[in-house]
Amino acid sequence: MDNLENSNDTQTPDDEDNLASRWYRLWAALIDGLIVMVFTMPVMYLTGGFEGALEGIQPSWQYTLLMGLLGIVVFVLINGKLLAQRGQTIGKRALGIKIVTLSGELPSVKSHLLKRYAVYFLLGNVPTIGQLLSLANVLAIFGEQKRCGHDYVAGTMVVNV
């Protein structure tokens, strides 16, 4: 039987042995990012996004927002079903980790998409301070509970399967 579907063990943020490593979380995020880039980079190329960058021209905030929204849509289309059914993205599944609530249950879609990933994706698009907010979000993982800011907002943690 697939232990991803039948894992009824509950974990708490204090359960250090079952928390996913920071490295696994990083690699999972990189895998997910690369997959999204496969779809968004051609759009950026076709819309002239690279030409301006090569000439040192900063893209408009509207273009940046549109490309960010495209990335979110692509991410949800690719990972939505896995997130809803298993608490995993393709990257997390590849590395044997998953997202659970603080009581060890599979989070609801609302927790995933509206809380956790809204914080994760939208912070970087806040004018002027977005990149600093994104950095603070991910640096929170170096705390004792190995949870990013978006984990705290959504009440989730990432554990080994």
N, C-alpha and C. Protein backbone atom coordinates (compact mmCIF):
# COMPACT_ATOMS: atom_id res chain seq x y z
N MET A 1 0.84 -1.20 0.00
CA MET A 1 0.00 0.00 0.00
C MET A 1 0.87 1.25 0.00
N ASP A 2 0.35 2.28 -0.58
CA ASP A 2 1.10 3.53 -0.68
C ASP A 2 1.04 4.26 0.66
N ASN A 3 2.19 4.38 1.33
CA ASN A 3 2.20 5.00 2.65
C ASN A 3 1.97 6.51 2.58
N LEU A 4 1.95 7.11 1.39
CA LEU A 4 1.61 8.52 1.28
C LEU A 4 0.14 8.72 1.60
N GLU A 5 -0.69 7.78 1.18
CA GLU A 5 -2.12 7.91 1.39
C GLU A 5 -2.55 7.39 2.75
N ASN A 6 -1.79 6.48 3.31
CA ASN A 6 -2.22 5.81 4.53
C ASN A 6 -1.44 6.22 5.77
N SER A 7 -0.72 7.31 5.68
CA SER A 7 0.05 7.78 6.83
C SER A 7 -0.88 8.49 7.80
N ASN A 8 -1.22 7.83 8.89
CA ASN A 8 -2.09 8.42 9.89
C ASN A 8 -1.32 8.92 11.09
N ASP A 9 -0.01 8.81 11.04
CA ASP A 9 0.81 9.31 12.14
C ASP A 9 0.67 10.81 12.21
N THR A 10 0.54 11.31 13.42
CA THR A 10 0.49 12.76 13.58
C THR A 10 1.84 13.23 14.06
N GLN A 11 2.23 14.38 13.56
CA GLN A 11 3.49 14.98 13.95
C GLN A 11 3.19 16.34 14.57
N THR A 12 4.12 16.80 15.35
CA THR A 12 4.02 18.15 15.89
C THR A 12 5.28 18.88 15.48
N PRO A 13 5.27 20.23 15.55
CA PRO A 13 6.47 20.96 15.18
C PRO A 13 7.68 20.59 16.04
N ASP A 14 7.44 19.99 17.19
CA ASP A 14 8.54 19.59 18.07
C ASP A 14 9.11 18.22 17.71
N ASP A 15 8.47 17.50 16.78
CA ASP A 15 8.91 16.17 16.37
C ASP A 15 10.06 16.31 15.38
N GLU A 16 11.23 16.65 15.88
CA GLU A 16 12.42 16.96 15.07
C GLU A 16 12.79 15.85 14.12
N ASP A 17 12.63 14.60 14.52
CA ASP A 17 13.05 13.48 13.68
C ASP A 17 12.25 13.36 12.39
N ASN A 18 11.00 13.77 12.39
CA ASN A 18 10.17 13.60 11.20
C ASN A 18 10.07 14.87 10.35
N LEU A 19 10.58 16.00 10.83
CA LEU A 19 10.54 17.21 10.02
C LEU A 19 11.46 17.06 8.82
N ALA A 20 11.01 17.51 7.68
CA ALA A 20 11.83 17.45 6.47
C ALA A 20 13.06 18.33 6.64
N SER A 21 14.16 17.89 6.07
CA SER A 21 15.38 18.68 6.19
C SER A 21 15.26 19.96 5.38
N ARG A 22 16.02 20.95 5.78
CA ARG A 22 16.04 22.21 5.04
C ARG A 22 16.53 21.98 3.61
N TRP A 23 17.49 21.07 3.44
CA TRP A 23 18.03 20.77 2.12
C TRP A 23 16.98 20.14 1.21
N TYR A 24 16.22 19.19 1.75
CA TYR A 24 15.17 18.57 0.94
C TYR A 24 14.13 19.60 0.52
N ARG A 25 13.79 20.49 1.44
CA ARG A 25 12.82 21.54 1.11
C ARG A 25 13.37 22.46 0.03
N LEU A 26 14.65 22.79 0.12
CA LEU A 26 15.27 23.64 -0.89
C LEU A 26 15.26 22.96 -2.26
N TRP A 27 15.69 21.71 -2.31
CA TRP A 27 15.71 20.98 -3.58
C TRP A 27 14.32 20.81 -4.15
N ALA A 28 13.34 20.55 -3.32
CA ALA A 28 11.96 20.42 -3.80
C ALA A 28 11.48 21.74 -4.41
N ALA A 29 11.80 22.85 -3.75
CA ALA A 29 11.41 24.16 -4.28
C ALA A 29 12.12 24.45 -5.60
N LEU A 30 13.38 24.06 -5.71
CA LEU A 30 14.11 24.26 -6.96
C LEU A 30 13.51 23.43 -8.10
N ILE A 31 13.16 22.19 -7.81
CA ILE A 31 12.51 21.35 -8.82
C ILE A 31 11.20 21.98 -9.28
N ASP A 32 10.39 22.42 -8.32
CA ASP A 32 9.11 23.04 -8.66
C ASP A 32 9.32 24.31 -9.47
N GLY A 33 10.31 25.10 -9.08
CA GLY A 33 10.60 26.33 -9.82
C GLY A 33 11.04 26.07 -11.24
N LEU A 34 11.89 25.06 -11.42
CA LEU A 34 12.35 24.72 -12.77
C LEU A 34 11.20 24.25 -13.66
N ILE A 35 10.29 23.50 -13.08
CA ILE A 35 9.14 23.03 -13.85
C ILE A 35 8.27 24.20 -14.30
N VAL A 36 8.03 25.15 -13.41
CA VAL A 36 7.24 26.33 -13.77
C VAL A 36 7.98 27.14 -14.83
N MET A 37 9.30 27.25 -14.71
CA MET A 37 10.09 28.01 -15.69
C MET A 37 9.99 27.42 -17.09
N VAL A 38 9.86 26.12 -17.20
CA VAL A 38 9.72 25.49 -18.52
C VAL A 38 8.53 26.09 -19.27
N PHE A 39 7.50 26.48 -18.54
CA PHE A 39 6.31 27.04 -19.16
C PHE A 39 6.33 28.56 -19.25
N THR A 40 6.93 29.23 -18.27
CA THR A 40 6.89 30.69 -18.26
C THR A 40 7.99 31.34 -19.09
N MET A 41 9.15 30.71 -19.19
CA MET A 41 10.26 31.32 -19.93
C MET A 41 9.91 31.51 -21.42
N PRO A 42 9.30 30.54 -22.09
CA PRO A 42 8.93 30.79 -23.49
C PRO A 42 7.96 31.97 -23.64
N VAL A 43 7.05 32.12 -22.69
CA VAL A 43 6.12 33.25 -22.74
C VAL A 43 6.89 34.56 -22.59
N MET A 44 7.84 34.58 -21.66
CA MET A 44 8.65 35.78 -21.48
C MET A 44 9.45 36.09 -22.75
N TYR A 45 9.97 35.06 -23.38
CA TYR A 45 10.73 35.26 -24.61
C TYR A 45 9.83 35.82 -25.71
N LEU A 46 8.67 35.22 -25.87
CA LEU A 46 7.76 35.63 -26.94
C LEU A 46 7.16 37.02 -26.72
N THR A 47 7.10 37.47 -25.47
CA THR A 47 6.54 38.79 -25.17
C THR A 47 7.60 39.86 -25.05
N GLY A 48 8.85 39.52 -25.33
CA GLY A 48 9.92 40.51 -25.31
C GLY A 48 10.51 40.79 -23.94
N GLY A 49 10.18 39.97 -22.97
CA GLY A 49 10.69 40.18 -21.62
C GLY A 49 12.20 40.10 -21.52
N PHE A 50 12.82 39.27 -22.33
CA PHE A 50 14.28 39.13 -22.29
C PHE A 50 14.99 40.26 -23.02
N GLU A 51 14.37 40.76 -24.08
CA GLU A 51 15.00 41.85 -24.84
C GLU A 51 15.23 43.07 -23.97
N GLY A 52 14.22 43.44 -23.23
CA GLY A 52 14.35 44.60 -22.34
C GLY A 52 15.41 44.37 -21.27
N ALA A 53 15.44 43.17 -20.71
CA ALA A 53 16.42 42.86 -19.68
C ALA A 53 17.84 42.96 -20.23
N LEU A 54 18.04 42.48 -21.45
CA LEU A 54 19.36 42.55 -22.07
C LEU A 54 19.80 43.99 -22.33
N GLU A 55 18.84 44.87 -22.51
CA GLU A 55 19.14 46.29 -22.73
C GLU A 55 19.16 47.08 -21.43
N GLY A 56 18.97 46.39 -20.31
CA GLY A 56 19.00 47.06 -19.01
C GLY A 56 17.72 47.79 -18.66
N ILE A 57 16.64 47.46 -19.34
CA ILE A 57 15.37 48.12 -19.09
C ILE A 57 14.58 47.32 -18.06
N GLN A 58 14.18 47.99 -17.01
CA GLN A 58 13.36 47.37 -15.96
C GLN A 58 11.95 47.13 -16.50
N PRO A 59 11.42 45.91 -16.39
CA PRO A 59 10.05 45.68 -16.87
C PRO A 59 9.05 46.46 -16.02
N SER A 60 7.93 46.79 -16.62
CA SER A 60 6.89 47.51 -15.89
C SER A 60 6.34 46.64 -14.77
N TRP A 61 5.74 47.25 -13.79
CA TRP A 61 5.17 46.48 -12.69
C TRP A 61 4.00 45.64 -13.20
N GLN A 62 3.32 46.13 -14.25
CA GLN A 62 2.22 45.36 -14.81
C GLN A 62 2.73 44.08 -15.47
N TYR A 63 3.81 44.19 -16.20
CA TYR A 63 4.40 43.00 -16.84
C TYR A 63 4.89 42.02 -15.78
N THR A 64 5.56 42.53 -14.76
CA THR A 64 6.06 41.68 -13.68
C THR A 64 4.91 40.98 -12.98
N LEU A 65 3.85 41.71 -12.70
CA LEU A 65 2.67 41.13 -12.05
C LEU A 65 2.03 40.08 -12.94
N LEU A 66 1.91 40.36 -14.23
CA LEU A 66 1.31 39.41 -15.17
C LEU A 66 2.13 38.12 -15.24
N MET A 67 3.45 38.24 -15.31
CA MET A 67 4.30 37.04 -15.35
C MET A 67 4.22 36.28 -14.01
N GLY A 68 4.12 37.02 -12.91
CA GLY A 68 3.94 36.36 -11.61
C GLY A 68 2.64 35.59 -11.54
N LEU A 69 1.57 36.20 -12.03
CA LEU A 69 0.27 35.52 -12.05
C LEU A 69 0.30 34.30 -12.96
N LEU A 70 0.98 34.43 -14.09
CA LEU A 70 1.13 33.27 -14.99
C LEU A 70 1.84 32.14 -14.26
N GLY A 71 2.90 32.47 -13.54
CA GLY A 71 3.63 31.46 -12.77
C GLY A 71 2.74 30.77 -11.74
N ILE A 72 1.89 31.54 -11.07
CA ILE A 72 0.98 30.97 -10.08
C ILE A 72 -0.02 30.03 -10.75
N VAL A 73 -0.58 30.47 -11.86
CA VAL A 73 -1.55 29.63 -12.59
C VAL A 73 -0.90 28.33 -13.03
N VAL A 74 0.30 28.42 -13.60
CA VAL A 74 1.01 27.22 -14.05
C VAL A 74 1.29 26.31 -12.86
N PHE A 75 1.75 26.88 -11.75
CA PHE A 75 2.04 26.09 -10.55
C PHE A 75 0.80 25.33 -10.08
N VAL A 76 -0.33 26.04 -10.02
CA VAL A 76 -1.58 25.41 -9.55
C VAL A 76 -2.05 24.34 -10.52
N LEU A 77 -1.96 24.61 -11.81
CA LEU A 77 -2.38 23.60 -12.79
C LEU A 77 -1.53 22.34 -12.69
N ILE A 78 -0.25 22.49 -12.44
CA ILE A 78 0.65 21.35 -12.38
C ILE A 78 0.55 20.63 -11.03
N ASN A 79 0.44 21.38 -9.94
CA ASN A 79 0.54 20.78 -8.61
C ASN A 79 -0.76 20.74 -7.83
N GLY A 80 -1.82 21.36 -8.32
CA GLY A 80 -3.06 21.46 -7.55
C GLY A 80 -3.61 20.14 -7.06
N LYS A 81 -3.70 19.16 -7.95
CA LYS A 81 -4.27 17.86 -7.58
C LYS A 81 -3.39 17.15 -6.54
N LEU A 82 -2.08 17.18 -6.76
CA LEU A 82 -1.16 16.56 -5.79
C LEU A 82 -1.25 17.24 -4.42
N LEU A 83 -1.33 18.57 -4.43
CA LEU A 83 -1.45 19.29 -3.15
C LEU A 83 -2.74 18.92 -2.43
N ALA A 84 -3.84 18.87 -3.18
CA ALA A 84 -5.13 18.57 -2.57
C ALA A 84 -5.21 17.13 -2.05
N GLN A 85 -4.65 16.18 -2.80
CA GLN A 85 -4.78 14.77 -2.44
C GLN A 85 -3.68 14.25 -1.53
N ARG A 86 -2.46 14.82 -1.63
CA ARG A 86 -1.32 14.26 -0.91
C ARG A 86 -0.51 15.27 -0.10
N GLY A 87 -0.80 16.56 -0.26
CA GLY A 87 -0.01 17.57 0.43
C GLY A 87 1.38 17.70 -0.18
N GLN A 88 1.50 17.42 -1.47
CA GLN A 88 2.80 17.44 -2.13
C GLN A 88 2.75 18.20 -3.44
N THR A 89 3.90 18.74 -3.81
CA THR A 89 4.13 19.23 -5.16
C THR A 89 4.96 18.14 -5.85
N ILE A 90 5.25 18.32 -7.12
CA ILE A 90 6.10 17.34 -7.81
C ILE A 90 7.46 17.26 -7.13
N GLY A 91 8.04 18.40 -6.78
CA GLY A 91 9.33 18.40 -6.10
C GLY A 91 9.30 17.71 -4.75
N LYS A 92 8.26 17.99 -3.97
CA LYS A 92 8.14 17.34 -2.65
C LYS A 92 7.93 15.84 -2.80
N ARG A 93 7.15 15.46 -3.78
CA ARG A 93 6.93 14.02 -3.99
C ARG A 93 8.24 13.33 -4.39
N ALA A 94 9.01 13.97 -5.27
CA ALA A 94 10.29 13.40 -5.70
C ALA A 94 11.25 13.20 -4.53
N LEU A 95 11.16 14.06 -3.52
CA LEU A 95 12.08 13.98 -2.39
C LEU A 95 11.49 13.31 -1.16
N GLY A 96 10.25 12.82 -1.27
CA GLY A 96 9.66 12.07 -0.17
C GLY A 96 9.29 12.91 1.04
N ILE A 97 8.78 14.12 0.77
CA ILE A 97 8.32 14.98 1.85
C ILE A 97 6.92 15.47 1.52
N LYS A 98 6.20 15.95 2.53
CA LYS A 98 4.84 16.44 2.28
C LYS A 98 4.47 17.50 3.31
N ILE A 99 3.43 18.25 2.98
CA ILE A 99 2.92 19.31 3.84
C ILE A 99 1.79 18.74 4.68
N VAL A 100 1.83 19.01 5.98
CA VAL A 100 0.75 18.60 6.88
C VAL A 100 0.43 19.77 7.82
N THR A 101 -0.72 19.67 8.48
CA THR A 101 -1.06 20.66 9.49
C THR A 101 -0.24 20.38 10.74
N LEU A 102 -0.32 21.24 11.71
CA LEU A 102 0.43 21.05 12.96
C LEU A 102 -0.02 19.81 13.72
N SER A 103 -1.23 19.33 13.42
CA SER A 103 -1.70 18.10 14.06
C SER A 103 -1.39 16.87 13.20
N GLY A 104 -0.70 17.08 12.08
CA GLY A 104 -0.29 15.95 11.24
C GLY A 104 -1.26 15.55 10.16
N GLU A 105 -2.34 16.31 10.01
CA GLU A 105 -3.35 15.99 8.99
C GLU A 105 -3.02 16.68 7.66
N LEU A 106 -3.63 16.20 6.60
CA LEU A 106 -3.49 16.82 5.30
C LEU A 106 -4.22 18.17 5.33
N PRO A 107 -3.55 19.26 4.95
CA PRO A 107 -4.22 20.57 4.98
C PRO A 107 -5.32 20.66 3.94
N SER A 108 -6.30 21.50 4.22
CA SER A 108 -7.36 21.73 3.24
C SER A 108 -6.80 22.54 2.07
N VAL A 109 -7.49 22.51 0.95
CA VAL A 109 -7.06 23.29 -0.20
C VAL A 109 -6.99 24.77 0.16
N LYS A 110 -7.94 25.22 0.98
CA LYS A 110 -7.93 26.63 1.41
C LYS A 110 -6.62 26.95 2.12
N SER A 111 -6.17 26.07 3.00
CA SER A 111 -4.89 26.31 3.68
C SER A 111 -3.74 26.34 2.70
N HIS A 112 -3.77 25.43 1.73
CA HIS A 112 -2.69 25.39 0.75
C HIS A 112 -2.66 26.64 -0.11
N LEU A 113 -3.71 26.86 -0.83
CA LEU A 113 -3.68 27.87 -1.88
C LEU A 113 -3.90 29.28 -1.39
N LEU A 114 -4.80 29.47 -0.47
CA LEU A 114 -5.11 30.83 -0.05
C LEU A 114 -4.17 31.36 1.02
N LYS A 115 -3.67 30.52 1.86
CA LYS A 115 -2.78 30.99 2.92
C LYS A 115 -1.32 30.74 2.56
N ARG A 116 -0.94 29.50 2.51
CA ARG A 116 0.46 29.12 2.35
C ARG A 116 1.08 29.66 1.07
N TYR A 117 0.47 29.36 -0.07
CA TYR A 117 1.07 29.75 -1.34
C TYR A 117 0.80 31.20 -1.70
N ALA A 118 -0.29 31.78 -1.20
CA ALA A 118 -0.50 33.21 -1.44
C ALA A 118 0.64 34.00 -0.80
N VAL A 119 0.99 33.66 0.43
CA VAL A 119 2.11 34.33 1.09
C VAL A 119 3.39 34.08 0.32
N TYR A 120 3.63 32.83 -0.03
CA TYR A 120 4.86 32.44 -0.71
C TYR A 120 5.05 33.16 -2.04
N PHE A 121 4.01 33.22 -2.86
CA PHE A 121 4.13 33.80 -4.19
C PHE A 121 3.95 35.31 -4.23
N LEU A 122 3.06 35.83 -3.42
CA LEU A 122 2.71 37.24 -3.57
C LEU A 122 3.66 38.20 -2.87
N LEU A 123 4.36 37.77 -1.85
CA LEU A 123 5.26 38.68 -1.14
C LEU A 123 6.27 39.33 -2.08
N GLY A 124 6.84 38.56 -2.97
CA GLY A 124 7.85 39.08 -3.87
C GLY A 124 7.35 40.14 -4.83
N ASN A 125 6.05 40.25 -4.99
CA ASN A 125 5.48 41.22 -5.92
C ASN A 125 5.07 42.53 -5.25
N VAL A 126 5.32 42.65 -3.95
CA VAL A 126 5.03 43.90 -3.26
C VAL A 126 6.08 44.93 -3.70
N PRO A 127 5.64 46.06 -4.25
CA PRO A 127 6.62 47.05 -4.72
C PRO A 127 7.59 47.48 -3.62
N THR A 128 8.80 47.68 -3.98
CA THR A 128 9.90 48.18 -3.17
C THR A 128 10.41 47.19 -2.13
N ILE A 129 9.55 46.64 -1.30
CA ILE A 129 10.03 45.78 -0.21
C ILE A 129 9.73 44.30 -0.41
N GLY A 130 9.18 43.94 -1.56
CA GLY A 130 8.77 42.55 -1.81
C GLY A 130 9.89 41.55 -1.66
N GLN A 131 11.05 41.86 -2.21
CA GLN A 131 12.16 40.91 -2.14
C GLN A 131 12.64 40.72 -0.69
N LEU A 132 12.62 41.78 0.10
CA LEU A 132 13.00 41.65 1.52
C LEU A 132 11.98 40.81 2.28
N LEU A 133 10.70 40.98 1.97
CA LEU A 133 9.66 40.18 2.61
C LEU A 133 9.81 38.71 2.24
N SER A 134 10.10 38.44 0.96
CA SER A 134 10.32 37.06 0.52
C SER A 134 11.52 36.44 1.22
N LEU A 135 12.57 37.22 1.35
CA LEU A 135 13.77 36.73 2.03
C LEU A 135 13.47 36.40 3.49
N ALA A 136 12.75 37.28 4.17
CA ALA A 136 12.38 37.03 5.57
C ALA A 136 11.51 35.78 5.67
N ASN A 137 10.60 35.59 4.71
CA ASN A 137 9.73 34.42 4.68
C ASN A 137 10.55 33.13 4.67
N VAL A 138 11.51 33.03 3.76
CA VAL A 138 12.26 31.78 3.64
C VAL A 138 13.33 31.63 4.72
N LEU A 139 13.87 32.74 5.21
CA LEU A 139 14.90 32.63 6.26
C LEU A 139 14.33 32.14 7.59
N ALA A 140 13.02 32.24 7.76
CA ALA A 140 12.40 31.73 8.98
C ALA A 140 12.65 30.24 9.15
N ILE A 141 13.00 29.54 8.07
CA ILE A 141 13.25 28.10 8.14
C ILE A 141 14.43 27.75 9.05
N PHE A 142 15.28 28.71 9.33
CA PHE A 142 16.43 28.44 10.18
C PHE A 142 16.08 28.47 11.67
N GLY A 143 14.81 28.64 11.97
CA GLY A 143 14.35 28.53 13.35
C GLY A 143 14.32 27.07 13.77
N GLU A 144 14.08 26.84 15.03
CA GLU A 144 14.10 25.50 15.60
C GLU A 144 13.08 24.56 14.96
N GLN A 145 11.93 25.10 14.54
CA GLN A 145 10.87 24.26 13.99
C GLN A 145 11.00 24.01 12.49
N LYS A 146 12.03 24.55 11.85
CA LYS A 146 12.26 24.36 10.40
C LYS A 146 11.03 24.73 9.58
N ARG A 147 10.40 25.85 9.95
CA ARG A 147 9.20 26.30 9.24
C ARG A 147 9.45 27.68 8.65
N CYS A 148 9.05 27.86 7.38
CA CYS A 148 9.13 29.17 6.74
C CYS A 148 7.96 30.04 7.23
N GLY A 149 8.03 31.32 6.91
CA GLY A 149 6.95 32.23 7.29
C GLY A 149 5.60 31.77 6.76
N HIS A 150 5.57 31.26 5.52
CA HIS A 150 4.30 30.80 4.96
C HIS A 150 3.76 29.58 5.69
N ASP A 151 4.63 28.79 6.32
CA ASP A 151 4.18 27.66 7.14
C ASP A 151 3.48 28.18 8.39
N TYR A 152 4.05 29.21 9.00
CA TYR A 152 3.44 29.79 10.20
C TYR A 152 2.08 30.40 9.88
N VAL A 153 1.98 31.12 8.76
CA VAL A 153 0.71 31.74 8.36
C VAL A 153 -0.36 30.68 8.13
N ALA A 154 0.00 29.60 7.47
CA ALA A 154 -0.97 28.54 7.11
C ALA A 154 -1.14 27.48 8.20
N GLY A 155 -0.30 27.50 9.23
CA GLY A 155 -0.39 26.46 10.26
C GLY A 155 0.05 25.11 9.74
N THR A 156 1.10 25.10 8.91
CA THR A 156 1.58 23.85 8.32
C THR A 156 3.05 23.63 8.66
N MET A 157 3.49 22.42 8.35
CA MET A 157 4.90 22.05 8.45
C MET A 157 5.16 21.01 7.36
N VAL A 158 6.43 20.80 7.05
CA VAL A 158 6.79 19.84 6.01
C VAL A 158 7.53 18.69 6.69
N VAL A 159 7.04 17.48 6.44
CA VAL A 159 7.57 16.29 7.11
C VAL A 159 8.01 15.25 6.10
N ASN A 160 8.81 14.32 6.57
CA ASN A 160 9.18 13.17 5.75
C ASN A 160 7.98 12.26 5.61
N VAL A 161 7.85 11.64 4.45
CA VAL A 161 6.73 10.73 4.21
C VAL A 161 7.02 9.40 4.89
